[in-house]
Amino acid sequence: MPHADADVRRVIHTRAGVGATAGIIQREALRFSRLTFDQPTLIVVRHGEKTFSSAKENWLLKSGEAVAIGKGQRFDITNRPDANRSYQANWLVFEPDMVQAFGHIAAMASRPVRSLGRLEAGFVEAFARASEAIRNPAAVPLEIARHRMEEILLWLKRRGVSLADVPPRTFSQRVREIFMAMLDETWTAAIVARHLHMSEATLRRHLAAEGSSLSSLLADVRMSHALSLLQSTDQLVGNIARNVGYESASSFASRFRQRFGFAPTAVRGHRRGDPCSPPPIPSLFTDDFTQPKVLR
């Protein structure tokens, strides 16, 4: 089970049947190689710049710009702080089932990743309302929360963007989904094979055909989730390590450095208790590019 810090200020908010939302704060320019998006995601950069790179294309997002990313996409990503040493962004993750159910009314098939540029004021307001519905389930009924998420999908549809799955789901994605449900589980090939109703030999054969393996997938899913927790929460590194299946913080730090090329503390760019520690990310979109009100 996840271990929570008693004094956590920043958290990742999730709501079953709706999605998840959080803010990212980063103080140093860092490059994250081969990041996989396991859920349909919308990101809005608030301060600094974000670069996406793949074998086929590269593009840059500046402050106030957004990107929509389909499930299963992989990129090298660089976040660069602004002149005030601050990179900040907000993200919204959709329940895949909701996106797929909505997909039948999508205006057109679209690329699995789309740079959206600067968002209209109405789009930004819809983003804020959807995020609020996830953060405050007691105040927003489930059907209203889902409606607010669908409003975001309608805004994307107006731009010819659909986050519904276009390419077939790979076998590796199926395995990643199993790992994501219980990151701190002691996973073995036998357990995964039972989840998929197949033999261990068949499991390994399918993964090998895609150039993957159980150990590499599990490590990648754990490290990717750890990165998200480092960027979007104030959990202690030791607690994050346990949340992703490592009893030893030093073993976790070593694996994280092996995966990304830098220590977990580099993501936050500070030591706990440092007077320069980043403050909690402000309420959604109160900077200079727009100032919508969150409707309650």
C-alpha atoms as a PDB file:
ATOM      1  CA  MET A   1       0.000   0.000   0.000  1.00  0.00           C
ATOM      2  CA  PRO A   2       1.225   3.582  -0.633  1.00  0.00           C
ATOM      3  CA  HIS A   3       2.980   5.330   2.240  1.00  0.00           C
ATOM      4  CA  ALA A   4       1.934   8.964   2.701  1.00  0.00           C
ATOM      5  CA  ASP A   5       3.874  11.744   4.391  1.00  0.00           C
ATOM      6  CA  ALA A   6       2.011  13.460   7.196  1.00  0.00           C
ATOM      7  CA  ASP A   7       2.928  16.937   5.977  1.00  0.00           C
ATOM      8  CA  VAL A   8       2.486  16.494   2.225  1.00  0.00           C
ATOM      9  CA  ARG A   9       1.500  19.761   0.551  1.00  0.00           C
ATOM     10  CA  ARG A  10       1.609  18.801  -3.114  1.00  0.00           C
ATOM     11  CA  VAL A  11      -0.118  15.609  -4.168  1.00  0.00           C
ATOM     12  CA  ILE A  12      -1.349  13.821  -7.265  1.00  0.00           C
ATOM     13  CA  HIS A  13      -5.138  13.871  -7.128  1.00  0.00           C
ATOM     14  CA  THR A  14      -6.930  10.865  -8.603  1.00  0.00           C
ATOM     15  CA  ARG A  15     -10.613  10.040  -8.960  1.00  0.00           C
ATOM     16  CA  ALA A  16     -11.851   6.623 -10.039  1.00  0.00           C
ATOM     17  CA  GLY A  17     -13.781   6.713 -13.292  1.00  0.00           C
ATOM     18  CA  VAL A  18     -12.602  10.259 -14.045  1.00  0.00           C
ATOM     19  CA  GLY A  19      -8.829  10.744 -14.114  1.00  0.00           C
ATOM     20  CA  ALA A  20      -5.923  12.373 -12.321  1.00  0.00           C
ATOM     21  CA  THR A  21      -4.356  15.821 -12.095  1.00  0.00           C
ATOM     22  CA  ALA A  22      -1.335  17.513 -10.558  1.00  0.00           C
ATOM     23  CA  GLY A  23       1.209  20.257 -11.044  1.00  0.00           C
ATOM     24  CA  ILE A  24       4.910  19.872 -11.821  1.00  0.00           C
ATOM     25  CA  ILE A  25       7.678  22.006 -10.354  1.00  0.00           C
ATOM     26  CA  GLN A  26      11.286  21.684 -11.489  1.00  0.00           C
ATOM     27  CA  ARG A  27      14.240  23.962 -10.702  1.00  0.00           C
ATOM     28  CA  GLU A  28      16.896  22.588 -13.049  1.00  0.00           C
ATOM     29  CA  ALA A  29      16.983  21.800 -16.760  1.00  0.00           C
ATOM     30  CA  LEU A  30      16.775  18.023 -17.062  1.00  0.00           C
ATOM     31  CA  ARG A  31      16.342  15.582 -19.935  1.00  0.00           C
ATOM     32  CA  PHE A  32      14.241  12.471 -19.368  1.00  0.00           C
ATOM     33  CA  SER A  33      14.939   9.775 -21.939  1.00  0.00           C
ATOM     34  CA  ARG A  34      12.377   7.321 -23.320  1.00  0.00           C
ATOM     35  CA  LEU A  35       9.401   8.396 -21.200  1.00  0.00           C
ATOM     36  CA  THR A  36       6.257   6.400 -21.923  1.00  0.00           C
ATOM     37  CA  PHE A  37       2.821   7.944 -21.427  1.00  0.00           C
ATOM     38  CA  ASP A  38       0.702   5.134 -20.025  1.00  0.00           C
ATOM     39  CA  GLN A  39      -2.522   7.174 -20.025  1.00  0.00           C
ATOM     40  CA  PRO A  40      -4.041   9.785 -22.385  1.00  0.00           C
ATOM     41  CA  THR A  41      -2.628  13.086 -21.122  1.00  0.00           C
ATOM     42  CA  LEU A  42      -3.033  16.835 -21.582  1.00  0.00           C
ATOM     43  CA  ILE A  43      -0.162  19.056 -20.396  1.00  0.00           C
ATOM     44  CA  VAL A  44      -0.126  22.853 -20.122  1.00  0.00           C
ATOM     45  CA  VAL A  45       3.236  24.574 -19.567  1.00  0.00           C
ATOM     46  CA  ARG A  46       2.935  27.503 -17.159  1.00  0.00           C
ATOM     47  CA  HIS A  47       6.554  28.629 -16.777  1.00  0.00           C
ATOM     48  CA  GLY A  48       9.655  27.611 -18.705  1.00  0.00           C
ATOM     49  CA  GLU A  49       9.833  25.382 -21.776  1.00  0.00           C
ATOM     50  CA  LYS A  50       9.237  21.727 -22.613  1.00  0.00           C
ATOM     51  CA  THR A  51      10.845  19.900 -25.551  1.00  0.00           C
ATOM     52  CA  PHE A  52       9.578  16.618 -27.017  1.00  0.00           C
ATOM     53  CA  SER A  53      11.962  14.569 -29.167  1.00  0.00           C
ATOM     54  CA  SER A  54      11.479  11.348 -31.091  1.00  0.00           C
ATOM     55  CA  ALA A  55      13.085   9.660 -34.074  1.00  0.00           C
ATOM     56  CA  LYS A  56      10.545  11.359 -36.349  1.00  0.00           C
ATOM     57  CA  GLU A  57      10.095  14.867 -34.957  1.00  0.00           C
ATOM     58  CA  ASN A  58      10.909  17.461 -32.335  1.00  0.00           C
ATOM     59  CA  TRP A  59       8.867  20.328 -31.020  1.00  0.00           C
ATOM     60  CA  LEU A  60       8.996  22.978 -28.325  1.00  0.00           C
ATOM     61  CA  LEU A  61       6.278  24.125 -25.931  1.00  0.00           C
ATOM     62  CA  LYS A  62       6.615  27.554 -24.366  1.00  0.00           C
ATOM     63  CA  SER A  63       4.812  29.116 -21.424  1.00  0.00           C
ATOM     64  CA  GLY A  64       1.051  29.074 -21.998  1.00  0.00           C
ATOM     65  CA  GLU A  65       1.162  26.305 -24.614  1.00  0.00           C
ATOM     66  CA  ALA A  66      -0.272  22.793 -24.382  1.00  0.00           C
ATOM     67  CA  VAL A  67       0.145  19.312 -25.809  1.00  0.00           C
ATOM     68  CA  ALA A  68      -2.243  16.336 -26.061  1.00  0.00           C
ATOM     69  CA  ILE A  69      -0.610  12.899 -25.886  1.00  0.00           C
ATOM     70  CA  GLY A  70      -2.236   9.563 -26.653  1.00  0.00           C
ATOM     71  CA  LYS A  71      -1.746   6.455 -24.548  1.00  0.00           C
ATOM     72  CA  GLY A  72       1.425   4.460 -25.144  1.00  0.00           C
ATOM     73  CA  GLN A  73       3.517   7.215 -26.759  1.00  0.00           C
ATOM     74  CA  ARG A  74       7.228   7.470 -25.921  1.00  0.00           C
ATOM     75  CA  PHE A  75       9.525  10.497 -26.120  1.00  0.00           C
ATOM     76  CA  ASP A  76      12.694  12.068 -24.830  1.00  0.00           C
ATOM     77  CA  ILE A  77      11.540  15.109 -22.852  1.00  0.00           C
ATOM     78  CA  THR A  78      13.485  18.131 -21.627  1.00  0.00           C
ATOM     79  CA  ASN A  79      12.051  20.606 -19.119  1.00  0.00           C
ATOM     80  CA  ARG A  80      13.837  23.955 -18.917  1.00  0.00           C
ATOM     81  CA  PRO A  81      13.177  26.525 -16.173  1.00  0.00           C
ATOM     82  CA  ASP A  82      12.603  30.174 -16.992  1.00  0.00           C
ATOM     83  CA  ALA A  83      14.818  33.072 -15.920  1.00  0.00           C
ATOM     84  CA  ASN A  84      13.491  32.696 -12.369  1.00  0.00           C
ATOM     85  CA  ARG A  85      14.655  29.055 -12.197  1.00  0.00           C
ATOM     86  CA  SER A  86      11.136  27.726 -12.393  1.00  0.00           C
ATOM     87  CA  TYR A  87       9.625  25.152 -14.717  1.00  0.00           C
ATOM     88  CA  GLN A  88       5.951  24.621 -13.912  1.00  0.00           C
ATOM     89  CA  ALA A  89       3.217  22.733 -15.698  1.00  0.00           C
ATOM     90  CA  ASN A  90      -0.194  21.274 -14.993  1.00  0.00           C
ATOM     91  CA  TRP A  91      -1.356  17.940 -16.332  1.00  0.00           C
ATOM     92  CA  LEU A  92      -4.640  16.139 -16.673  1.00  0.00           C
ATOM     93  CA  VAL A  93      -4.856  12.369 -17.232  1.00  0.00           C
ATOM     94  CA  PHE A  94      -8.003  10.745 -18.595  1.00  0.00           C
ATOM     95  CA  GLU A  95      -9.434   7.343 -17.740  1.00  0.00           C
ATOM     96  CA  PRO A  96      -8.777   5.368 -20.962  1.00  0.00           C
ATOM     97  CA  ASP A  97     -12.266   3.838 -20.916  1.00  0.00           C
ATOM     98  CA  MET A  98     -13.819   7.304 -20.947  1.00  0.00           C
ATOM     99  CA  VAL A  99     -11.662   8.362 -23.881  1.00  0.00           C
ATOM    100  CA  GLN A 100     -12.508   5.225 -25.828  1.00  0.00           C
ATOM    101  CA  ALA A 101     -16.243   5.641 -25.174  1.00  0.00           C
ATOM    102  CA  PHE A 102     -16.000   9.240 -26.356  1.00  0.00           C
ATOM    103  CA  GLY A 103     -13.934   8.286 -29.402  1.00  0.00           C
ATOM    104  CA  HIS A 104     -16.932   7.317 -31.526  1.00  0.00           C
ATOM    105  CA  ILE A 105     -17.923  10.981 -31.867  1.00  0.00           C
ATOM    106  CA  ALA A 106     -14.421  12.236 -32.643  1.00  0.00           C
ATOM    107  CA  ALA A 107     -14.349  14.452 -35.700  1.00  0.00           C
ATOM    108  CA  MET A 108     -11.425  12.698 -37.325  1.00  0.00           C
ATOM    109  CA  ALA A 109      -8.542  10.379 -36.687  1.00  0.00           C
ATOM    110  CA  SER A 110      -5.585  12.317 -35.391  1.00  0.00           C
ATOM    111  CA  ARG A 111      -1.933  11.791 -34.701  1.00  0.00           C
ATOM    112  CA  PRO A 112      -1.323  10.294 -31.237  1.00  0.00           C
ATOM    113  CA  VAL A 113       0.485  13.486 -30.197  1.00  0.00           C
ATOM    114  CA  ARG A 114      -0.554  17.002 -31.055  1.00  0.00           C
ATOM    115  CA  SER A 115       0.958  20.335 -30.045  1.00  0.00           C
ATOM    116  CA  LEU A 116      -1.980  22.634 -29.333  1.00  0.00           C
ATOM    117  CA  GLY A 117      -0.216  25.973 -29.001  1.00  0.00           C
ATOM    118  CA  ARG A 118      -1.888  28.500 -26.710  1.00  0.00           C
ATOM    119  CA  LEU A 119      -5.321  27.495 -25.495  1.00  0.00           C
ATOM    120  CA  GLU A 120      -8.461  29.592 -25.805  1.00  0.00           C
ATOM    121  CA  ALA A 121      -9.730  31.113 -22.543  1.00  0.00           C
ATOM    122  CA  GLY A 122     -12.732  28.784 -22.593  1.00  0.00           C
ATOM    123  CA  PHE A 123     -10.477  25.749 -22.994  1.00  0.00           C
ATOM    124  CA  VAL A 124      -8.325  26.858 -20.059  1.00  0.00           C
ATOM    125  CA  GLU A 125     -11.419  27.385 -17.918  1.00  0.00           C
ATOM    126  CA  ALA A 126     -12.636  23.894 -18.831  1.00  0.00           C
ATOM    127  CA  PHE A 127      -9.241  22.482 -17.825  1.00  0.00           C
ATOM    128  CA  ALA A 128      -9.484  24.211 -14.455  1.00  0.00           C
ATOM    129  CA  ARG A 129     -13.034  22.964 -13.853  1.00  0.00           C
ATOM    130  CA  ALA A 130     -12.086  19.391 -14.749  1.00  0.00           C
ATOM    131  CA  SER A 131      -9.087  19.499 -12.427  1.00  0.00           C
ATOM    132  CA  GLU A 132     -11.233  20.903  -9.639  1.00  0.00           C
ATOM    133  CA  ALA A 133     -13.730  18.056 -10.092  1.00  0.00           C
ATOM    134  CA  ILE A 134     -10.924  15.540  -9.575  1.00  0.00           C
ATOM    135  CA  ARG A 135      -9.487  17.364  -6.563  1.00  0.00           C
ATOM    136  CA  ASN A 136     -12.830  17.855  -4.776  1.00  0.00           C
ATOM    137  CA  PRO A 137     -15.006  14.759  -5.238  1.00  0.00           C
ATOM    138  CA  ALA A 138     -17.192  15.703  -2.269  1.00  0.00           C
ATOM    139  CA  ALA A 139     -18.225  18.921  -4.010  1.00  0.00           C
ATOM    140  CA  VAL A 140     -18.633  17.597  -7.563  1.00  0.00           C
ATOM    141  CA  PRO A 141     -20.830  14.524  -8.266  1.00  0.00           C
ATOM    142  CA  LEU A 142     -19.273  11.776 -10.360  1.00  0.00           C
ATOM    143  CA  GLU A 143     -21.492  12.339 -13.399  1.00  0.00           C
ATOM    144  CA  ILE A 144     -20.652  16.063 -13.369  1.00  0.00           C
ATOM    145  CA  ALA A 145     -16.947  15.294 -13.030  1.00  0.00           C
ATOM    146  CA  ARG A 146     -17.092  12.976 -16.044  1.00  0.00           C
ATOM    147  CA  HIS A 147     -19.010  15.634 -17.965  1.00  0.00           C
ATOM    148  CA  ARG A 148     -16.236  18.139 -17.237  1.00  0.00           C
ATOM    149  CA  MET A 149     -13.634  15.726 -18.557  1.00  0.00           C
ATOM    150  CA  GLU A 150     -15.744  15.147 -21.660  1.00  0.00           C
ATOM    151  CA  GLU A 151     -15.822  18.914 -22.165  1.00  0.00           C
ATOM    152  CA  ILE A 152     -12.025  18.787 -22.494  1.00  0.00           C
ATOM    153  CA  LEU A 153     -12.382  16.038 -25.094  1.00  0.00           C
ATOM    154  CA  LEU A 154     -14.849  18.249 -26.987  1.00  0.00           C
ATOM    155  CA  TRP A 155     -12.367  21.127 -26.988  1.00  0.00           C
ATOM    156  CA  LEU A 156      -9.776  18.724 -28.406  1.00  0.00           C
ATOM    157  CA  LYS A 157     -12.296  17.518 -30.983  1.00  0.00           C
ATOM    158  CA  ARG A 158     -12.741  21.109 -32.183  1.00  0.00           C
ATOM    159  CA  ARG A 159      -9.030  21.043 -33.020  1.00  0.00           C
ATOM    160  CA  GLY A 160      -9.314  17.709 -34.810  1.00  0.00           C
ATOM    161  CA  VAL A 161      -7.662  15.833 -31.944  1.00  0.00           C
ATOM    162  CA  SER A 162      -8.801  12.486 -30.560  1.00  0.00           C
ATOM    163  CA  LEU A 163      -7.026  10.731 -27.694  1.00  0.00           C
ATOM    164  CA  ALA A 164      -8.791   7.443 -28.427  1.00  0.00           C
ATOM    165  CA  ASP A 165      -6.416   4.591 -29.201  1.00  0.00           C
ATOM    166  CA  VAL A 166      -5.521   4.543 -32.889  1.00  0.00           C
ATOM    167  CA  PRO A 167      -2.727   1.945 -33.086  1.00  0.00           C
ATOM    168  CA  PRO A 168      -3.453  -1.500 -31.601  1.00  0.00           C
ATOM    169  CA  ARG A 169      -2.421  -1.912 -27.971  1.00  0.00           C
ATOM    170  CA  THR A 170       0.886  -3.754 -27.757  1.00  0.00           C
ATOM    171  CA  PHE A 171       1.508  -6.731 -25.529  1.00  0.00           C
ATOM    172  CA  SER A 172       4.045  -4.675 -23.575  1.00  0.00           C
ATOM    173  CA  GLN A 173       1.359  -2.087 -22.860  1.00  0.00           C
ATOM    174  CA  ARG A 174      -0.874  -4.799 -21.426  1.00  0.00           C
ATOM    175  CA  VAL A 175       1.920  -5.859 -19.079  1.00  0.00           C
ATOM    176  CA  ARG A 176       2.632  -2.244 -18.090  1.00  0.00           C
ATOM    177  CA  GLU A 177      -1.028  -1.819 -17.138  1.00  0.00           C
ATOM    178  CA  ILE A 178      -0.804  -4.818 -14.813  1.00  0.00           C
ATOM    179  CA  PHE A 179       2.307  -3.414 -13.132  1.00  0.00           C
ATOM    180  CA  MET A 180       0.779   0.051 -12.782  1.00  0.00           C
ATOM    181  CA  ALA A 181      -2.135  -1.318 -10.769  1.00  0.00           C
ATOM    182  CA  MET A 182       0.203  -2.607  -8.013  1.00  0.00           C
ATOM    183  CA  LEU A 183       3.652  -1.062  -8.259  1.00  0.00           C
ATOM    184  CA  ASP A 184       4.794  -2.288  -4.848  1.00  0.00           C
ATOM    185  CA  GLU A 185       3.854  -5.923  -5.581  1.00  0.00           C
ATOM    186  CA  THR A 186       6.644  -8.521  -5.660  1.00  0.00           C
ATOM    187  CA  TRP A 187       6.149  -9.408  -9.302  1.00  0.00           C
ATOM    188  CA  THR A 188       7.225 -12.698 -10.868  1.00  0.00           C
ATOM    189  CA  ALA A 189       6.710 -14.129 -14.340  1.00  0.00           C
ATOM    190  CA  ALA A 190       4.283 -16.659 -12.869  1.00  0.00           C
ATOM    191  CA  ILE A 191       2.083 -13.946 -11.321  1.00  0.00           C
ATOM    192  CA  VAL A 192       2.000 -11.864 -14.507  1.00  0.00           C
ATOM    193  CA  ALA A 193       1.263 -14.939 -16.611  1.00  0.00           C
ATOM    194  CA  ARG A 194      -1.716 -15.775 -14.375  1.00  0.00           C
ATOM    195  CA  HIS A 195      -3.065 -12.243 -14.825  1.00  0.00           C
ATOM    196  CA  LEU A 196      -2.881 -12.735 -18.591  1.00  0.00           C
ATOM    197  CA  HIS A 197      -4.174 -16.323 -18.527  1.00  0.00           C
ATOM    198  CA  MET A 198      -1.158 -17.771 -20.314  1.00  0.00           C
ATOM    199  CA  SER A 199       1.984 -19.750 -19.617  1.00  0.00           C
ATOM    200  CA  GLU A 200       5.257 -18.124 -18.581  1.00  0.00           C
ATOM    201  CA  ALA A 201       6.844 -19.319 -21.823  1.00  0.00           C
ATOM    202  CA  THR A 202       4.125 -17.655 -23.904  1.00  0.00           C
ATOM    203  CA  LEU A 203       4.470 -14.468 -21.859  1.00  0.00           C
ATOM    204  CA  ARG A 204       8.211 -14.291 -22.446  1.00  0.00           C
ATOM    205  CA  ARG A 205       7.828 -15.139 -26.125  1.00  0.00           C
ATOM    206  CA  HIS A 206       5.356 -12.277 -26.693  1.00  0.00           C
ATOM    207  CA  LEU A 207       7.605  -9.795 -24.897  1.00  0.00           C
ATOM    208  CA  ALA A 208      10.714 -10.966 -26.753  1.00  0.00           C
ATOM    209  CA  ALA A 209       8.888 -10.467 -30.059  1.00  0.00           C
ATOM    210  CA  GLU A 210       8.512  -6.786 -29.102  1.00  0.00           C
ATOM    211  CA  GLY A 211      12.115  -6.503 -27.926  1.00  0.00           C
ATOM    212  CA  SER A 212      11.130  -6.265 -24.287  1.00  0.00           C
ATOM    213  CA  SER A 213      11.295  -8.217 -21.033  1.00  0.00           C
ATOM    214  CA  LEU A 214       9.464  -8.358 -17.715  1.00  0.00           C
ATOM    215  CA  SER A 215      12.358  -6.920 -15.731  1.00  0.00           C
ATOM    216  CA  SER A 216      12.897  -3.968 -18.064  1.00  0.00           C
ATOM    217  CA  LEU A 217       9.180  -3.147 -18.189  1.00  0.00           C
ATOM    218  CA  LEU A 218       8.772  -3.335 -14.416  1.00  0.00           C
ATOM    219  CA  ALA A 219      11.811  -1.137 -13.793  1.00  0.00           C
ATOM    220  CA  ASP A 220      10.619   1.414 -16.345  1.00  0.00           C
ATOM    221  CA  VAL A 221       7.067   1.596 -14.954  1.00  0.00           C
ATOM    222  CA  ARG A 222       8.374   1.982 -11.409  1.00  0.00           C
ATOM    223  CA  MET A 223      10.918   4.648 -12.304  1.00  0.00           C
ATOM    224  CA  SER A 224       8.430   6.594 -14.430  1.00  0.00           C
ATOM    225  CA  HIS A 225       5.932   6.684 -11.562  1.00  0.00           C
ATOM    226  CA  ALA A 226       8.696   7.655  -9.144  1.00  0.00           C
ATOM    227  CA  LEU A 227       9.611  10.539 -11.442  1.00  0.00           C
ATOM    228  CA  SER A 228       6.007  11.730 -11.424  1.00  0.00           C
ATOM    229  CA  LEU A 229       5.925  11.609  -7.613  1.00  0.00           C
ATOM    230  CA  LEU A 230       9.191  13.555  -7.395  1.00  0.00           C
ATOM    231  CA  GLN A 231       7.883  16.234  -9.757  1.00  0.00           C
ATOM    232  CA  SER A 232       4.340  16.562  -8.425  1.00  0.00           C
ATOM    233  CA  THR A 233       4.385  15.725  -4.706  1.00  0.00           C
ATOM    234  CA  ASP A 234       6.305  16.532  -1.536  1.00  0.00           C
ATOM    235  CA  GLN A 235       6.686  12.922  -0.466  1.00  0.00           C
ATOM    236  CA  LEU A 236      10.012  11.961   1.050  1.00  0.00           C
ATOM    237  CA  VAL A 237      12.308  10.088  -1.315  1.00  0.00           C
ATOM    238  CA  GLY A 238      12.254   7.099   1.039  1.00  0.00           C
ATOM    239  CA  ASN A 239       8.465   6.968   0.897  1.00  0.00           C
ATOM    240  CA  ILE A 240       8.511   7.235  -2.894  1.00  0.00           C
ATOM    241  CA  ALA A 241      10.955   4.326  -2.983  1.00  0.00           C
ATOM    242  CA  ARG A 242       8.552   2.168  -0.960  1.00  0.00           C
ATOM    243  CA  ASN A 243       5.577   3.270  -3.062  1.00  0.00           C
ATOM    244  CA  VAL A 244       7.246   1.855  -6.171  1.00  0.00           C
ATOM    245  CA  GLY A 245       8.448  -1.368  -4.581  1.00  0.00           C
ATOM    246  CA  TYR A 246      11.871  -0.573  -3.069  1.00  0.00           C
ATOM    247  CA  GLU A 247      12.449  -1.103   0.658  1.00  0.00           C
ATOM    248  CA  SER A 248      15.901   0.484   0.391  1.00  0.00           C
ATOM    249  CA  ALA A 249      16.117   4.170  -0.527  1.00  0.00           C
ATOM    250  CA  SER A 250      19.710   3.687  -1.655  1.00  0.00           C
ATOM    251  CA  SER A 251      18.747   0.842  -4.005  1.00  0.00           C
ATOM    252  CA  PHE A 252      15.971   3.011  -5.382  1.00  0.00           C
ATOM    253  CA  ALA A 253      18.320   5.976  -5.883  1.00  0.00           C
ATOM    254  CA  SER A 254      20.831   3.755  -7.665  1.00  0.00           C
ATOM    255  CA  ARG A 255      18.173   2.346  -9.998  1.00  0.00           C
ATOM    256  CA  PHE A 256      16.781   5.846 -10.641  1.00  0.00           C
ATOM    257  CA  ARG A 257      20.231   7.177 -11.530  1.00  0.00           C
ATOM    258  CA  GLN A 258      20.798   4.192 -13.813  1.00  0.00           C
ATOM    259  CA  ARG A 259      17.492   4.879 -15.587  1.00  0.00           C
ATOM    260  CA  PHE A 260      17.666   8.676 -15.943  1.00  0.00           C
ATOM    261  CA  GLY A 261      21.320   9.606 -15.466  1.00  0.00           C
ATOM    262  CA  PHE A 262      20.896  11.741 -12.327  1.00  0.00           C
ATOM    263  CA  ALA A 263      19.855  11.358  -8.696  1.00  0.00           C
ATOM    264  CA  PRO A 264      16.220  11.658  -7.534  1.00  0.00           C
ATOM    265  CA  THR A 265      17.108  14.851  -5.647  1.00  0.00           C
ATOM    266  CA  ALA A 266      18.092  16.538  -8.925  1.00  0.00           C
ATOM    267  CA  VAL A 267      14.441  16.509 -10.020  1.00  0.00           C
ATOM    268  CA  ARG A 268      13.476  18.793  -7.157  1.00  0.00           C
ATOM    269  CA  GLY A 269      16.694  20.760  -7.286  1.00  0.00           C
ATOM    270  CA  HIS A 270      16.822  21.204  -3.532  1.00  0.00           C
ATOM    271  CA  ARG A 271      17.414  19.515  -0.221  1.00  0.00           C
ATOM    272  CA  ARG A 272      14.492  19.029   2.135  1.00  0.00           C
ATOM    273  CA  GLY A 273      14.449  21.959   4.562  1.00  0.00           C
ATOM    274  CA  ASP A 274      16.409  24.163   2.180  1.00  0.00           C
ATOM    275  CA  PRO A 275      14.992  27.742   2.283  1.00  0.00           C
ATOM    276  CA  CYS A 276      14.994  27.649  -1.521  1.00  0.00           C
ATOM    277  CA  SER A 277      12.684  24.635  -1.611  1.00  0.00           C
ATOM    278  CA  PRO A 278       9.912  25.199  -4.140  1.00  0.00           C
ATOM    279  CA  PRO A 279       6.580  26.357  -2.742  1.00  0.00           C
ATOM    280  CA  PRO A 280       3.365  24.503  -3.508  1.00  0.00           C
ATOM    281  CA  ILE A 281       2.337  25.044  -7.104  1.00  0.00           C
ATOM    282  CA  PRO A 282      -0.255  27.852  -7.249  1.00  0.00           C
ATOM    283  CA  SER A 283      -3.856  27.337  -8.228  1.00  0.00           C
ATOM    284  CA  LEU A 284      -4.381  26.505 -11.874  1.00  0.00           C
ATOM    285  CA  PHE A 285      -3.621  29.199 -14.406  1.00  0.00           C
ATOM    286  CA  THR A 286      -3.256  32.337 -12.323  1.00  0.00           C
ATOM    287  CA  ASP A 287      -0.280  33.628 -14.283  1.00  0.00           C
ATOM    288  CA  ASP A 288      -0.084  36.195 -17.042  1.00  0.00           C
ATOM    289  CA  PHE A 289      -1.470  34.226 -19.979  1.00  0.00           C
ATOM    290  CA  THR A 290      -4.979  33.839 -18.577  1.00  0.00           C
ATOM    291  CA  GLN A 291      -6.874  34.042 -15.309  1.00  0.00           C
ATOM    292  CA  PRO A 292     -10.036  31.955 -15.421  1.00  0.00           C
ATOM    293  CA  LYS A 293     -12.170  31.452 -12.340  1.00  0.00           C
ATOM    294  CA  VAL A 294     -12.828  27.931 -11.147  1.00  0.00           C
ATOM    295  CA  LEU A 295     -16.585  27.422 -11.058  1.00  0.00           C
ATOM    296  CA  ARG A 296     -17.774  25.606  -7.955  1.00  0.00           C
END
